[in-house]
Protein backbone atom coordinates (compact mmCIF):
# COMPACT_ATOMS: atom_id res chain seq x y z
CA MET A 1 107.02 150.93 -6.09
CA LEU A 2 110.57 151.36 -4.79
CA HIS A 3 113.57 151.55 -7.13
CA PHE A 4 117.16 150.88 -6.20
CA SER A 5 120.20 151.15 -8.42
CA ILE A 6 122.90 148.53 -7.91
CA GLU A 7 125.97 149.11 -10.10
CA GLY A 8 123.96 150.64 -12.88
CA ALA A 9 121.28 147.94 -12.89
CA GLN A 10 117.75 148.77 -11.87
CA MET A 11 116.10 146.54 -9.31
CA GLN A 12 112.44 146.82 -8.42
CA VAL A 13 111.38 146.02 -4.88
CA HIS A 14 107.68 145.68 -4.14
CA PRO A 15 106.57 146.48 -0.63
CA VAL A 16 105.05 143.51 1.18
CA ASN A 17 101.33 143.74 1.72
CA ASN A 18 100.77 144.59 5.42
CA GLN A 19 97.54 142.59 5.50
CA TRP A 20 99.46 139.37 4.70
CA ILE A 21 102.01 140.15 7.40
CA SER A 22 99.19 140.67 9.90
CA ILE A 23 97.57 137.37 8.91
CA ALA A 24 100.90 135.54 9.13
CA ILE A 25 101.59 136.95 12.60
CA THR A 26 98.10 135.96 13.73
CA VAL A 27 98.55 132.42 12.41
CA VAL A 28 101.92 132.05 14.16
CA ILE A 29 100.56 133.36 17.47
CA VAL A 30 97.49 131.11 17.25
CA ALA A 31 99.70 128.10 16.44
CA ILE A 32 101.96 128.78 19.44
CA VAL A 33 99.04 129.31 21.83
CA LEU A 34 97.28 126.25 20.42
CA ALA A 35 100.40 124.10 20.89
CA ILE A 36 100.73 125.25 24.50
CA ARG A 37 97.03 124.77 25.24
CA LEU A 38 96.85 121.36 23.57
CA ARG A 39 99.51 120.09 25.97
CA SER A 40 97.09 120.66 28.84
CA VAL A 41 94.02 119.17 27.12
CA GLY A 42 92.73 116.28 29.13
CA ARG A 43 94.79 117.22 32.20
CA ALA A 44 92.84 118.26 35.28
CA ARG A 45 93.72 121.61 36.82
CA PRO A 46 92.40 123.08 40.06
CA LEU A 47 89.40 125.37 39.64
CA ARG A 48 89.08 128.02 42.30
CA LEU A 49 85.57 129.43 42.35
CA GLU A 50 86.64 132.48 44.30
CA THR A 51 88.90 133.66 41.45
CA LEU A 52 86.59 133.18 38.45
CA TRP A 53 85.46 136.81 38.65
CA ILE A 54 88.95 138.34 38.32
CA ILE A 55 89.52 138.16 34.53
CA PRO A 56 86.02 139.43 33.63
CA ALA A 57 86.37 142.24 36.19
CA ILE A 58 89.74 143.38 34.80
CA TYR A 59 88.41 143.20 31.25
CA SER A 60 85.26 145.12 32.26
CA ILE A 61 87.36 147.90 33.75
CA ALA A 62 89.47 148.05 30.58
CA ILE A 63 86.36 148.33 28.40
CA VAL A 64 84.85 151.03 30.62
CA VAL A 65 88.07 153.03 30.35
CA VAL A 66 88.24 152.61 26.57
CA PHE A 67 84.55 153.42 26.02
CA TRP A 68 84.76 156.38 28.42
CA SER A 69 87.81 157.87 26.70
CA GLN A 70 86.57 157.17 23.15
CA PRO A 71 82.88 156.24 23.23
CA PRO A 72 81.30 154.41 20.31
CA HIS A 73 79.10 156.59 18.07
CA GLY A 74 75.60 156.13 16.72
CA LEU A 75 74.60 152.60 15.78
CA THR A 76 77.88 151.22 17.07
CA TRP A 77 76.28 151.19 20.55
CA LEU A 78 73.54 148.89 19.23
CA TYR A 79 76.09 146.65 17.51
CA CYS A 80 78.10 146.52 20.75
CA ALA A 81 74.99 145.46 22.67
CA LEU A 82 74.30 142.74 20.10
CA ALA A 83 77.95 141.65 20.29
CA VAL A 84 77.72 141.35 24.09
CA ALA A 85 74.60 139.18 23.71
CA ILE A 86 76.19 136.96 21.05
CA GLY A 87 79.41 136.75 23.05
CA ALA A 88 77.43 135.81 26.15
CA ALA A 89 75.62 133.00 24.32
CA LEU A 90 78.87 131.63 22.89
CA GLY A 91 80.68 132.08 26.22
CA TRP A 92 77.97 130.05 27.94
CA GLN A 93 78.46 127.29 25.37
CA ARG A 94 82.23 127.32 25.84
CA GLY A 95 81.75 127.16 29.61
CA LYS A 96 79.58 124.07 29.10
CA LEU A 97 82.41 122.46 27.11
CA MET A 98 84.74 122.69 30.10
CA LYS A 99 84.69 119.46 32.11
CA ILE A 100 84.33 120.09 35.85
CA ASP A 101 84.80 117.39 38.48
CA VAL A 102 84.57 117.40 42.27
CA ASP A 103 86.66 114.96 44.28
CA PRO A 104 84.15 113.11 46.50
CA ARG A 105 86.57 112.89 49.47
CA THR A 106 88.35 116.25 49.45
CA HIS A 107 85.70 118.27 47.57
CA ALA A 108 88.47 119.75 45.45
CA ILE A 109 87.14 121.16 42.20
CA ASN A 110 89.07 120.46 39.00
CA GLN A 111 88.53 121.56 35.43
CA THR A 112 89.66 119.80 32.30
CA THR A 113 89.79 121.60 29.00
CA SER A 114 88.19 119.56 26.27
CA PRO A 115 89.50 119.51 22.71
CA ALA A 116 86.11 120.92 21.65
CA ALA A 117 86.69 123.97 23.87
CA ILE A 118 90.08 124.61 22.25
CA ILE A 119 88.65 124.18 18.74
CA PHE A 120 85.84 126.57 19.68
CA VAL A 121 88.34 129.29 20.61
CA VAL A 122 90.38 128.69 17.44
CA VAL A 123 87.22 129.13 15.34
CA LEU A 124 86.50 132.41 17.16
CA VAL A 125 90.05 133.65 16.52
CA ILE A 126 89.75 132.75 12.83
CA PHE A 127 86.39 134.53 12.69
CA ARG A 128 87.90 137.61 14.33
CA SER A 129 90.83 137.65 11.92
CA GLY A 130 88.48 137.19 9.00
CA SER A 131 86.28 140.05 10.15
CA ARG A 132 89.34 142.28 10.43
CA ALA A 133 90.34 141.36 6.87
CA VAL A 134 86.80 142.05 5.63
CA THR A 135 86.83 145.42 7.38
CA ALA A 136 90.13 146.29 5.71
CA SER A 137 89.02 145.09 2.28
CA MET A 138 85.82 147.15 2.51
CA GLY A 139 87.98 150.24 2.80
CA MET A 140 86.60 151.22 6.16
CA GLY A 141 88.48 154.20 7.48
CA HIS A 142 89.68 154.84 11.00
CA SER A 143 86.13 155.21 12.33
CA GLY A 144 85.14 151.85 10.79
CA VAL A 145 88.13 150.13 12.35
CA MET A 146 87.33 151.76 15.71
CA ALA A 147 83.72 150.55 15.45
CA ALA A 148 84.86 147.03 14.57
CA THR A 149 87.26 147.05 17.50
CA ASP A 150 84.56 148.29 19.88
CA ILE A 151 82.20 145.56 18.70
CA LEU A 152 84.86 142.84 19.12
CA MET A 153 85.71 144.13 22.60
CA ALA A 154 82.02 143.99 23.54
CA PHE A 155 81.80 140.46 22.17
CA ALA A 156 84.79 139.40 24.27
CA LEU A 157 83.22 140.92 27.38
CA GLY A 158 80.03 138.89 26.97
CA PHE A 159 82.06 135.79 26.13
CA LEU A 160 84.37 135.98 29.15
CA MET A 161 81.65 136.86 31.62
CA LEU A 162 79.16 134.17 30.71
CA GLN A 163 81.77 131.46 30.31
CA ARG A 164 82.87 132.11 33.89
CA VAL A 165 79.28 132.42 35.16
CA GLU A 166 78.34 129.05 33.64
CA MET A 167 81.44 127.38 35.08
CA PHE A 168 80.82 128.94 38.52
CA LEU A 169 77.17 127.88 38.68
CA ARG A 170 77.88 124.35 37.49
CA ALA A 171 80.88 123.88 39.80
CA ARG A 172 78.91 125.19 42.79
CA ARG A 173 76.04 122.81 41.98
CA LEU A 174 78.47 119.85 41.65
CA LEU A 175 80.18 120.80 44.92
CA ALA A 176 76.83 121.01 46.76
CA HIS A 177 75.88 117.60 45.36
CA ALA A 178 79.21 116.06 46.45
CA ARG A 179 78.85 117.50 49.95
CA ALA A 180 75.28 116.20 50.22
CA MET A 181 76.31 112.73 49.06
CA HIS A 182 79.44 112.35 51.18
CA GLY A 183 78.87 114.77 54.02
CA GLY A 184 80.93 117.83 54.59
């Protein structure tokens, strides 16, 4: 507890709980990102198959560097493997929620984010924030926080990779069908 003296009077100032500040910042960031993303819901955007690999590749390199410099210990490796598998399954589902169309004349591929896809990501962010709060409330030390971070990073890797794989395979199949139907 902090004490300050103002003209002979004692005033008590209680430090703000850092966990609440972290939650508030997360909520504000999610709200801003959600507002930006919701503006594009329902609007078709070009989907370039040749670039779908870039984000997962960059993220994979980042994880390799992090795990190489500070590798997970013990059972954390198992939890990371499980997180990759769960992330992959959920990433595949999110990829399926993305609407993909092929223009029959030009064979241009477009994607449209569905509201369900946005809600899906918001639920994942809330889950991640909740798991961070649970980790903090359980009194996990630095090693526990590192393990939780490693597991969440592994989850994100599986999620990003399989979302992009599902979108790539489906878009390629739709493009082949459009070319077969309309020549090209």
